[in-house]
Amino acid sequence: MKLIYNNLDVVKWVNENKAAKIGFIPTMGALHKGHLSLVEKAKKYADKIVVSIFVNPTQFGDRNDFVNYPCTTKEDLALLEELNVDMVFLPSSAEELYSNENYQPFSLHSIDSVMEGSYRKGHFDGVVRVVKLFLDLIQPDFAFFGEKDYQQLLIIKKLIDNIGIKTKIISCQTLREKDGLAMSSRNRRLSASERALAANLYKVLSFCKEKYSPNTIAEMEKVCLQKLAEFSNPDYFEIRNAEDLSKKGSIDTKWRAFTATKLGEVRLIDNIALN
């Protein structure tokens, strides 16, 4: 497994592997089974697997969130080596990664202004910038993103359409713990009591899926927000069009429920397809 720490060596590696189909999984480290499932899926598509580990400062509005993000690089590398990953890119610094940035902002047609976009100002700008840098450097044929960050997934697809590159985005189902909690690096920051309460997040989403009707969206959002407030401090619970995150649709529209809530100092997000 090749470890690379600077942009120039990434370019060299890519040039040496031009004949191969490359699959790319961007991560911020603190890897869990959800990340590893992306690697396993990538193996079905690609000859060479590349994983990045980089906690990107430009997507954190909250400095404390950035500083407290879990860091388990030694353990992460051991897990990736077990899966026979070909190359891991660990940028030595943000200055190194962003040194040759050529990014022109573009319209995301309001996908970035709702839900996470309204609560985490500038977050998606940072996500788009860093993903574009990785795609420009690594030039993967496929890139793999989990549906837990569904809003991010749609935004990355918009990025691909905008810059017109070859990379195909592969969406991957959310992996969950036995009690339904979506796997997340942030889960390890939960106390034992908070972790027990966190299982209720999926119960609320499942309740919504069971009771949902296109005619009762506003009422269901209100009920589910109240349920979240019984055990956590919710930011939102919203039902939106799965294609464009608008509130517009018909009985044939694919709808999805989205939520974000806090347990102590830890903010968790999740979503579920309703139909």
C-alpha atoms as a PDB file:
ATOM      1  CA  MET A   1       0.000   0.000   0.000  1.00  0.00           C
ATOM      2  CA  LYS A   2       1.513   3.291  -1.151  1.00  0.00           C
ATOM      3  CA  LEU A   3       1.293   6.279   1.209  1.00  0.00           C
ATOM      4  CA  ILE A   4       1.495   9.698  -0.452  1.00  0.00           C
ATOM      5  CA  TYR A   5       1.671  13.055   1.306  1.00  0.00           C
ATOM      6  CA  ASN A   6       1.983  15.664  -1.466  1.00  0.00           C
ATOM      7  CA  ASN A   7       0.280  16.639  -4.726  1.00  0.00           C
ATOM      8  CA  LEU A   8       3.269  16.015  -6.977  1.00  0.00           C
ATOM      9  CA  ASP A   9       3.642  12.393  -5.887  1.00  0.00           C
ATOM     10  CA  VAL A  10      -0.087  11.835  -6.476  1.00  0.00           C
ATOM     11  CA  VAL A  11       0.313  13.057 -10.053  1.00  0.00           C
ATOM     12  CA  LYS A  12       3.278  10.690 -10.508  1.00  0.00           C
ATOM     13  CA  TRP A  13       1.278   7.754  -9.150  1.00  0.00           C
ATOM     14  CA  VAL A  14      -1.676   8.533 -11.418  1.00  0.00           C
ATOM     15  CA  ASN A  15       0.600   8.714 -14.461  1.00  0.00           C
ATOM     16  CA  GLU A  16       2.117   5.350 -13.544  1.00  0.00           C
ATOM     17  CA  ASN A  17      -1.362   3.792 -13.359  1.00  0.00           C
ATOM     18  CA  LYS A  18      -3.009   5.323 -16.417  1.00  0.00           C
ATOM     19  CA  ALA A  19      -4.001   1.938 -17.801  1.00  0.00           C
ATOM     20  CA  ALA A  20      -5.983   1.053 -14.670  1.00  0.00           C
ATOM     21  CA  LYS A  21      -9.543   1.893 -13.721  1.00  0.00           C
ATOM     22  CA  ILE A  22      -9.251   3.929 -10.526  1.00  0.00           C
ATOM     23  CA  GLY A  23     -11.819   3.953  -7.738  1.00  0.00           C
ATOM     24  CA  PHE A  24     -11.631   6.758  -5.171  1.00  0.00           C
ATOM     25  CA  ILE A  25     -13.066   7.061  -1.657  1.00  0.00           C
ATOM     26  CA  PRO A  26     -12.574  10.450   0.050  1.00  0.00           C
ATOM     27  CA  THR A  27     -12.632  10.310   3.872  1.00  0.00           C
ATOM     28  CA  MET A  28     -11.732  12.410   6.876  1.00  0.00           C
ATOM     29  CA  GLY A  29     -10.365   9.362   8.693  1.00  0.00           C
ATOM     30  CA  ALA A  30     -11.698   7.805  11.898  1.00  0.00           C
ATOM     31  CA  LEU A  31     -12.766   4.969   9.629  1.00  0.00           C
ATOM     32  CA  HIS A  32     -15.634   2.617  10.444  1.00  0.00           C
ATOM     33  CA  LYS A  33     -17.432  -0.248   8.695  1.00  0.00           C
ATOM     34  CA  GLY A  34     -19.353   2.210   6.536  1.00  0.00           C
ATOM     35  CA  HIS A  35     -16.127   3.540   5.019  1.00  0.00           C
ATOM     36  CA  LEU A  36     -14.800   0.023   4.571  1.00  0.00           C
ATOM     37  CA  SER A  37     -17.984  -0.987   2.731  1.00  0.00           C
ATOM     38  CA  LEU A  38     -17.224   1.772   0.214  1.00  0.00           C
ATOM     39  CA  VAL A  39     -13.801   0.231  -0.359  1.00  0.00           C
ATOM     40  CA  GLU A  40     -15.351  -3.193  -0.881  1.00  0.00           C
ATOM     41  CA  LYS A  41     -17.848  -1.763  -3.363  1.00  0.00           C
ATOM     42  CA  ALA A  42     -15.071   0.079  -5.198  1.00  0.00           C
ATOM     43  CA  LYS A  43     -13.292  -3.227  -5.774  1.00  0.00           C
ATOM     44  CA  LYS A  44     -16.233  -4.341  -7.909  1.00  0.00           C
ATOM     45  CA  TYR A  45     -15.733  -1.378 -10.241  1.00  0.00           C
ATOM     46  CA  ALA A  46     -12.024  -0.569 -10.294  1.00  0.00           C
ATOM     47  CA  ASP A  47      -8.557  -2.103 -10.700  1.00  0.00           C
ATOM     48  CA  LYS A  48      -6.849   0.326  -8.311  1.00  0.00           C
ATOM     49  CA  ILE A  49      -8.332   1.711  -5.092  1.00  0.00           C
ATOM     50  CA  VAL A  50      -7.370   5.121  -3.717  1.00  0.00           C
ATOM     51  CA  VAL A  51      -8.486   6.451  -0.324  1.00  0.00           C
ATOM     52  CA  SER A  52      -7.827   9.952   0.976  1.00  0.00           C
ATOM     53  CA  ILE A  53      -7.597  10.818   4.666  1.00  0.00           C
ATOM     54  CA  PHE A  54      -7.863  14.551   5.242  1.00  0.00           C
ATOM     55  CA  VAL A  55      -9.847  16.602   7.753  1.00  0.00           C
ATOM     56  CA  ASN A  56     -10.701  19.539   5.511  1.00  0.00           C
ATOM     57  CA  PRO A  57     -10.686  22.858   7.404  1.00  0.00           C
ATOM     58  CA  THR A  58     -12.632  24.774   4.739  1.00  0.00           C
ATOM     59  CA  GLN A  59     -15.830  22.791   5.399  1.00  0.00           C
ATOM     60  CA  PHE A  60     -15.910  23.453   9.157  1.00  0.00           C
ATOM     61  CA  GLY A  61     -17.676  26.596  10.304  1.00  0.00           C
ATOM     62  CA  ASP A  62     -17.274  25.589  13.937  1.00  0.00           C
ATOM     63  CA  ARG A  63     -13.603  25.664  14.955  1.00  0.00           C
ATOM     64  CA  ASN A  64     -14.271  23.378  17.940  1.00  0.00           C
ATOM     65  CA  ASP A  65     -15.868  20.788  15.666  1.00  0.00           C
ATOM     66  CA  PHE A  66     -12.752  20.846  13.480  1.00  0.00           C
ATOM     67  CA  VAL A  67     -10.337  20.570  16.429  1.00  0.00           C
ATOM     68  CA  ASN A  68     -12.328  17.765  18.071  1.00  0.00           C
ATOM     69  CA  TYR A  69     -12.846  15.661  14.944  1.00  0.00           C
ATOM     70  CA  PRO A  70     -11.586  12.133  15.759  1.00  0.00           C
ATOM     71  CA  CYS A  71      -8.099  11.257  14.487  1.00  0.00           C
ATOM     72  CA  THR A  72      -7.115   7.572  14.305  1.00  0.00           C
ATOM     73  CA  THR A  73      -4.679   7.532  11.380  1.00  0.00           C
ATOM     74  CA  LYS A  74      -2.575   4.573  12.541  1.00  0.00           C
ATOM     75  CA  GLU A  75      -5.655   2.385  12.986  1.00  0.00           C
ATOM     76  CA  ASP A  76      -7.142   3.665   9.717  1.00  0.00           C
ATOM     77  CA  LEU A  77      -4.063   2.673   7.726  1.00  0.00           C
ATOM     78  CA  ALA A  78      -4.053  -0.797   9.263  1.00  0.00           C
ATOM     79  CA  LEU A  79      -7.694  -1.285   8.192  1.00  0.00           C
ATOM     80  CA  LEU A  80      -6.995  -0.086   4.654  1.00  0.00           C
ATOM     81  CA  GLU A  81      -3.935  -2.306   4.340  1.00  0.00           C
ATOM     82  CA  GLU A  82      -6.052  -5.321   5.314  1.00  0.00           C
ATOM     83  CA  LEU A  83      -8.363  -4.452   2.416  1.00  0.00           C
ATOM     84  CA  ASN A  84      -5.434  -4.204  -0.013  1.00  0.00           C
ATOM     85  CA  VAL A  85      -6.007  -0.554  -0.868  1.00  0.00           C
ATOM     86  CA  ASP A  86      -3.448   0.499  -3.482  1.00  0.00           C
ATOM     87  CA  MET A  87      -2.796   4.104  -2.465  1.00  0.00           C
ATOM     88  CA  VAL A  88      -3.671   6.364   0.460  1.00  0.00           C
ATOM     89  CA  PHE A  89      -3.351  10.110   0.030  1.00  0.00           C
ATOM     90  CA  LEU A  90      -2.709  11.923   3.325  1.00  0.00           C
ATOM     91  CA  PRO A  91      -2.058  15.576   2.419  1.00  0.00           C
ATOM     92  CA  SER A  92       0.657  16.929   4.697  1.00  0.00           C
ATOM     93  CA  SER A  93      -1.262  20.176   5.155  1.00  0.00           C
ATOM     94  CA  ALA A  94      -4.150  22.212   3.803  1.00  0.00           C
ATOM     95  CA  GLU A  95      -1.577  24.564   2.265  1.00  0.00           C
ATOM     96  CA  GLU A  96      -0.097  21.653   0.307  1.00  0.00           C
ATOM     97  CA  LEU A  97      -3.428  20.373  -0.965  1.00  0.00           C
ATOM     98  CA  TYR A  98      -4.810  23.803  -1.895  1.00  0.00           C
ATOM     99  CA  SER A  99      -1.537  25.131  -3.360  1.00  0.00           C
ATOM    100  CA  ASN A 100      -2.664  24.817  -6.976  1.00  0.00           C
ATOM    101  CA  GLU A 101      -6.389  25.299  -6.523  1.00  0.00           C
ATOM    102  CA  ASN A 102      -8.322  26.489  -9.554  1.00  0.00           C
ATOM    103  CA  TYR A 103     -11.929  26.700  -8.448  1.00  0.00           C
ATOM    104  CA  GLN A 104     -14.718  28.773  -9.948  1.00  0.00           C
ATOM    105  CA  PRO A 105     -17.957  28.902  -7.887  1.00  0.00           C
ATOM    106  CA  PHE A 106     -21.078  27.739  -9.706  1.00  0.00           C
ATOM    107  CA  SER A 107     -24.793  27.550  -9.016  1.00  0.00           C
ATOM    108  CA  LEU A 108     -26.074  24.551  -7.097  1.00  0.00           C
ATOM    109  CA  HIS A 109     -29.692  25.603  -7.715  1.00  0.00           C
ATOM    110  CA  SER A 110     -30.498  26.001  -4.005  1.00  0.00           C
ATOM    111  CA  ILE A 111     -29.540  22.421  -3.096  1.00  0.00           C
ATOM    112  CA  ASP A 112     -26.825  23.895  -0.880  1.00  0.00           C
ATOM    113  CA  SER A 113     -29.032  26.477   0.849  1.00  0.00           C
ATOM    114  CA  VAL A 114     -31.458  24.193   2.717  1.00  0.00           C
ATOM    115  CA  MET A 115     -31.015  21.895   5.714  1.00  0.00           C
ATOM    116  CA  GLU A 116     -27.254  21.494   6.279  1.00  0.00           C
ATOM    117  CA  GLY A 117     -26.616  24.535   4.105  1.00  0.00           C
ATOM    118  CA  SER A 118     -28.695  26.760   6.368  1.00  0.00           C
ATOM    119  CA  TYR A 119     -27.186  25.438   9.607  1.00  0.00           C
ATOM    120  CA  ARG A 120     -23.566  25.147   8.471  1.00  0.00           C
ATOM    121  CA  LYS A 121     -22.782  28.267   6.469  1.00  0.00           C
ATOM    122  CA  GLY A 122     -19.972  27.725   3.968  1.00  0.00           C
ATOM    123  CA  HIS A 123     -19.875  23.974   4.613  1.00  0.00           C
ATOM    124  CA  PHE A 124     -20.741  22.877   1.101  1.00  0.00           C
ATOM    125  CA  ASP A 125     -18.407  25.442  -0.467  1.00  0.00           C
ATOM    126  CA  GLY A 126     -15.597  23.726   1.428  1.00  0.00           C
ATOM    127  CA  VAL A 127     -16.816  20.255   0.432  1.00  0.00           C
ATOM    128  CA  VAL A 128     -17.027  21.144  -3.258  1.00  0.00           C
ATOM    129  CA  ARG A 129     -13.602  22.795  -3.227  1.00  0.00           C
ATOM    130  CA  VAL A 130     -11.805  19.860  -1.625  1.00  0.00           C
ATOM    131  CA  VAL A 131     -13.582  17.185  -3.689  1.00  0.00           C
ATOM    132  CA  LYS A 132     -12.718  19.055  -6.898  1.00  0.00           C
ATOM    133  CA  LEU A 133      -9.064  19.191  -5.809  1.00  0.00           C
ATOM    134  CA  PHE A 134      -9.038  15.437  -5.202  1.00  0.00           C
ATOM    135  CA  LEU A 135     -10.779  14.672  -8.493  1.00  0.00           C
ATOM    136  CA  ASP A 136      -8.399  16.909 -10.444  1.00  0.00           C
ATOM    137  CA  LEU A 137      -5.367  15.232  -8.869  1.00  0.00           C
ATOM    138  CA  ILE A 138      -6.478  11.599  -8.823  1.00  0.00           C
ATOM    139  CA  GLN A 139      -8.636  11.575 -11.978  1.00  0.00           C
ATOM    140  CA  PRO A 140     -10.632   8.550 -10.830  1.00  0.00           C
ATOM    141  CA  ASP A 141     -13.001   6.665 -13.072  1.00  0.00           C
ATOM    142  CA  PHE A 142     -15.326   6.152 -10.108  1.00  0.00           C
ATOM    143  CA  ALA A 143     -15.818   7.937  -6.783  1.00  0.00           C
ATOM    144  CA  PHE A 144     -17.861   6.466  -3.945  1.00  0.00           C
ATOM    145  CA  PHE A 145     -20.063   8.415  -1.523  1.00  0.00           C
ATOM    146  CA  GLY A 146     -22.430   7.205   1.185  1.00  0.00           C
ATOM    147  CA  GLU A 147     -26.123   8.104   1.256  1.00  0.00           C
ATOM    148  CA  LYS A 148     -25.904   9.134   4.920  1.00  0.00           C
ATOM    149  CA  ASP A 149     -24.620  12.458   3.578  1.00  0.00           C
ATOM    150  CA  TYR A 150     -27.345  12.515   0.934  1.00  0.00           C
ATOM    151  CA  GLN A 151     -27.372  16.286   0.431  1.00  0.00           C
ATOM    152  CA  GLN A 152     -23.615  16.200  -0.103  1.00  0.00           C
ATOM    153  CA  LEU A 153     -24.060  13.338  -2.599  1.00  0.00           C
ATOM    154  CA  LEU A 154     -26.424  15.424  -4.750  1.00  0.00           C
ATOM    155  CA  ILE A 155     -24.062  18.402  -4.591  1.00  0.00           C
ATOM    156  CA  ILE A 156     -21.097  16.293  -5.724  1.00  0.00           C
ATOM    157  CA  LYS A 157     -23.165  15.053  -8.666  1.00  0.00           C
ATOM    158  CA  LYS A 158     -23.837  18.697  -9.561  1.00  0.00           C
ATOM    159  CA  LEU A 159     -20.084  19.354  -9.374  1.00  0.00           C
ATOM    160  CA  ILE A 160     -19.383  16.534 -11.816  1.00  0.00           C
ATOM    161  CA  ASP A 161     -22.008  17.884 -14.241  1.00  0.00           C
ATOM    162  CA  ASN A 162     -20.521  21.377 -13.964  1.00  0.00           C
ATOM    163  CA  ILE A 163     -16.875  20.534 -14.588  1.00  0.00           C
ATOM    164  CA  GLY A 164     -17.612  17.805 -17.113  1.00  0.00           C
ATOM    165  CA  ILE A 165     -15.055  15.184 -16.088  1.00  0.00           C
ATOM    166  CA  LYS A 166     -15.076  11.425 -16.623  1.00  0.00           C
ATOM    167  CA  THR A 167     -15.604  10.433 -12.982  1.00  0.00           C
ATOM    168  CA  LYS A 168     -18.805   8.525 -12.301  1.00  0.00           C
ATOM    169  CA  ILE A 169     -20.304   9.005  -8.840  1.00  0.00           C
ATOM    170  CA  ILE A 170     -21.461   5.784  -7.184  1.00  0.00           C
ATOM    171  CA  SER A 171     -23.887   6.184  -4.281  1.00  0.00           C
ATOM    172  CA  CYS A 172     -23.691   3.609  -1.498  1.00  0.00           C
ATOM    173  CA  GLN A 173     -26.358   2.677   1.032  1.00  0.00           C
ATOM    174  CA  THR A 174     -25.990   3.815   4.626  1.00  0.00           C
ATOM    175  CA  LEU A 175     -24.582   1.149   6.922  1.00  0.00           C
ATOM    176  CA  ARG A 176     -26.225   0.974  10.341  1.00  0.00           C
ATOM    177  CA  GLU A 177     -25.481  -0.435  13.761  1.00  0.00           C
ATOM    178  CA  LYS A 178     -27.733  -3.237  15.043  1.00  0.00           C
ATOM    179  CA  ASP A 179     -30.014  -0.680  16.709  1.00  0.00           C
ATOM    180  CA  GLY A 180     -30.329   1.351  13.500  1.00  0.00           C
ATOM    181  CA  LEU A 181     -27.941   4.216  14.246  1.00  0.00           C
ATOM    182  CA  ALA A 182     -26.181   5.270  11.057  1.00  0.00           C
ATOM    183  CA  MET A 183     -22.460   4.525  11.253  1.00  0.00           C
ATOM    184  CA  SER A 184     -20.489   7.739  11.640  1.00  0.00           C
ATOM    185  CA  SER A 185     -17.043   8.799  12.827  1.00  0.00           C
ATOM    186  CA  ARG A 186     -18.770  11.200  15.211  1.00  0.00           C
ATOM    187  CA  ASN A 187     -20.494   8.333  17.034  1.00  0.00           C
ATOM    188  CA  ARG A 188     -17.299   7.594  18.954  1.00  0.00           C
ATOM    189  CA  ARG A 189     -17.621  10.997  20.647  1.00  0.00           C
ATOM    190  CA  LEU A 190     -20.970  10.013  22.205  1.00  0.00           C
ATOM    191  CA  SER A 191     -21.022   9.097  25.890  1.00  0.00           C
ATOM    192  CA  ALA A 192     -22.595   5.746  26.831  1.00  0.00           C
ATOM    193  CA  SER A 193     -25.878   7.408  27.767  1.00  0.00           C
ATOM    194  CA  GLU A 194     -25.900   9.557  24.621  1.00  0.00           C
ATOM    195  CA  ARG A 195     -25.145   6.509  22.496  1.00  0.00           C
ATOM    196  CA  ALA A 196     -28.165   4.709  23.970  1.00  0.00           C
ATOM    197  CA  LEU A 197     -30.398   7.688  23.197  1.00  0.00           C
ATOM    198  CA  ALA A 198     -28.995   8.022  19.671  1.00  0.00           C
ATOM    199  CA  ALA A 199     -30.730   4.799  18.626  1.00  0.00           C
ATOM    200  CA  ASN A 200     -34.012   6.709  18.803  1.00  0.00           C
ATOM    201  CA  LEU A 201     -32.983   8.775  15.773  1.00  0.00           C
ATOM    202  CA  TYR A 202     -33.559   5.854  13.436  1.00  0.00           C
ATOM    203  CA  LYS A 203     -36.797   4.995  15.253  1.00  0.00           C
ATOM    204  CA  VAL A 204     -38.146   8.449  14.429  1.00  0.00           C
ATOM    205  CA  LEU A 205     -37.129   8.098  10.768  1.00  0.00           C
ATOM    206  CA  SER A 206     -38.734   4.650  10.627  1.00  0.00           C
ATOM    207  CA  PHE A 207     -41.914   6.035  12.193  1.00  0.00           C
ATOM    208  CA  CYS A 208     -41.984   8.684   9.472  1.00  0.00           C
ATOM    209  CA  LYS A 209     -41.517   6.075   6.747  1.00  0.00           C
ATOM    210  CA  GLU A 210     -44.366   3.982   8.156  1.00  0.00           C
ATOM    211  CA  LYS A 211     -46.848   6.849   8.655  1.00  0.00           C
ATOM    212  CA  TYR A 212     -45.835   9.117   5.779  1.00  0.00           C
ATOM    213  CA  SER A 213     -48.348  10.321   3.200  1.00  0.00           C
ATOM    214  CA  PRO A 214     -47.770  12.935   0.466  1.00  0.00           C
ATOM    215  CA  ASN A 215     -50.806  14.772   1.810  1.00  0.00           C
ATOM    216  CA  THR A 216     -49.558  15.069   5.399  1.00  0.00           C
ATOM    217  CA  ILE A 217     -45.936  16.166   4.957  1.00  0.00           C
ATOM    218  CA  ALA A 218     -46.116  19.318   7.106  1.00  0.00           C
ATOM    219  CA  GLU A 219     -47.927  17.502   9.894  1.00  0.00           C
ATOM    220  CA  MET A 220     -45.452  14.590   9.821  1.00  0.00           C
ATOM    221  CA  GLU A 221     -42.477  16.978   9.976  1.00  0.00           C
ATOM    222  CA  LYS A 222     -43.957  18.621  13.083  1.00  0.00           C
ATOM    223  CA  VAL A 223     -44.710  15.310  14.813  1.00  0.00           C
ATOM    224  CA  CYS A 224     -41.241  13.899  14.121  1.00  0.00           C
ATOM    225  CA  LEU A 225     -39.513  17.093  15.275  1.00  0.00           C
ATOM    226  CA  GLN A 226     -41.410  16.782  18.563  1.00  0.00           C
ATOM    227  CA  LYS A 227     -40.336  13.155  18.879  1.00  0.00           C
ATOM    228  CA  LEU A 228     -36.698  14.141  18.360  1.00  0.00           C
ATOM    229  CA  ALA A 229     -37.001  16.839  21.020  1.00  0.00           C
ATOM    230  CA  GLU A 230     -37.966  14.187  23.580  1.00  0.00           C
ATOM    231  CA  PHE A 231     -34.389  12.843  23.672  1.00  0.00           C
ATOM    232  CA  SER A 232     -32.176  15.367  21.822  1.00  0.00           C
ATOM    233  CA  ASN A 233     -31.820  18.949  20.611  1.00  0.00           C
ATOM    234  CA  PRO A 234     -33.000  18.886  16.973  1.00  0.00           C
ATOM    235  CA  ASP A 235     -32.039  21.362  14.268  1.00  0.00           C
ATOM    236  CA  TYR A 236     -34.561  20.124  11.726  1.00  0.00           C
ATOM    237  CA  PHE A 237     -36.729  17.294  10.469  1.00  0.00           C
ATOM    238  CA  GLU A 238     -37.737  17.808   6.857  1.00  0.00           C
ATOM    239  CA  ILE A 239     -39.333  15.807   4.069  1.00  0.00           C
ATOM    240  CA  ARG A 240     -38.037  16.755   0.638  1.00  0.00           C
ATOM    241  CA  ASN A 241     -37.984  15.705  -3.000  1.00  0.00           C
ATOM    242  CA  ALA A 242     -35.144  13.167  -3.310  1.00  0.00           C
ATOM    243  CA  GLU A 243     -34.136  14.513  -6.727  1.00  0.00           C
ATOM    244  CA  ASP A 244     -33.622  18.223  -6.006  1.00  0.00           C
ATOM    245  CA  LEU A 245     -34.381  18.672  -2.267  1.00  0.00           C
ATOM    246  CA  SER A 246     -37.296  20.954  -3.063  1.00  0.00           C
ATOM    247  CA  LYS A 247     -40.657  20.779  -1.339  1.00  0.00           C
ATOM    248  CA  LYS A 248     -42.367  20.363  -4.692  1.00  0.00           C
ATOM    249  CA  GLY A 249     -43.665  17.064  -5.970  1.00  0.00           C
ATOM    250  CA  SER A 250     -46.583  14.805  -6.665  1.00  0.00           C
ATOM    251  CA  ILE A 251     -47.817  11.412  -5.586  1.00  0.00           C
ATOM    252  CA  ASP A 252     -45.235   9.877  -7.958  1.00  0.00           C
ATOM    253  CA  THR A 253     -42.332  11.869  -6.521  1.00  0.00           C
ATOM    254  CA  LYS A 254     -39.595  10.072  -4.621  1.00  0.00           C
ATOM    255  CA  TRP A 255     -39.592  11.620  -1.144  1.00  0.00           C
ATOM    256  CA  ARG A 256     -36.953  11.436   1.557  1.00  0.00           C
ATOM    257  CA  ALA A 257     -36.896  12.440   5.238  1.00  0.00           C
ATOM    258  CA  PHE A 258     -33.848  14.286   6.564  1.00  0.00           C
ATOM    259  CA  THR A 259     -32.851  15.177  10.095  1.00  0.00           C
ATOM    260  CA  ALA A 260     -30.066  16.697  12.166  1.00  0.00           C
ATOM    261  CA  THR A 261     -29.968  16.733  15.951  1.00  0.00           C
ATOM    262  CA  LYS A 262     -27.554  17.146  18.824  1.00  0.00           C
ATOM    263  CA  LEU A 263     -26.838  14.822  21.714  1.00  0.00           C
ATOM    264  CA  GLY A 264     -24.597  16.717  24.082  1.00  0.00           C
ATOM    265  CA  GLU A 265     -21.830  18.233  21.945  1.00  0.00           C
ATOM    266  CA  VAL A 266     -22.243  15.745  19.090  1.00  0.00           C
ATOM    267  CA  ARG A 267     -24.332  16.611  16.054  1.00  0.00           C
ATOM    268  CA  LEU A 268     -25.767  13.685  14.102  1.00  0.00           C
ATOM    269  CA  ILE A 269     -27.435  13.645  10.686  1.00  0.00           C
ATOM    270  CA  ASP A 270     -29.431  10.917   8.994  1.00  0.00           C
ATOM    271  CA  ASN A 271     -32.052  10.367   6.300  1.00  0.00           C
ATOM    272  CA  ILE A 272     -34.329   7.700   4.904  1.00  0.00           C
ATOM    273  CA  ALA A 273     -36.160   7.034   1.642  1.00  0.00           C
ATOM    274  CA  LEU A 274     -39.914   7.174   2.239  1.00  0.00           C
ATOM    275  CA  ASN A 275     -41.200   5.554  -0.950  1.00  0.00           C
END
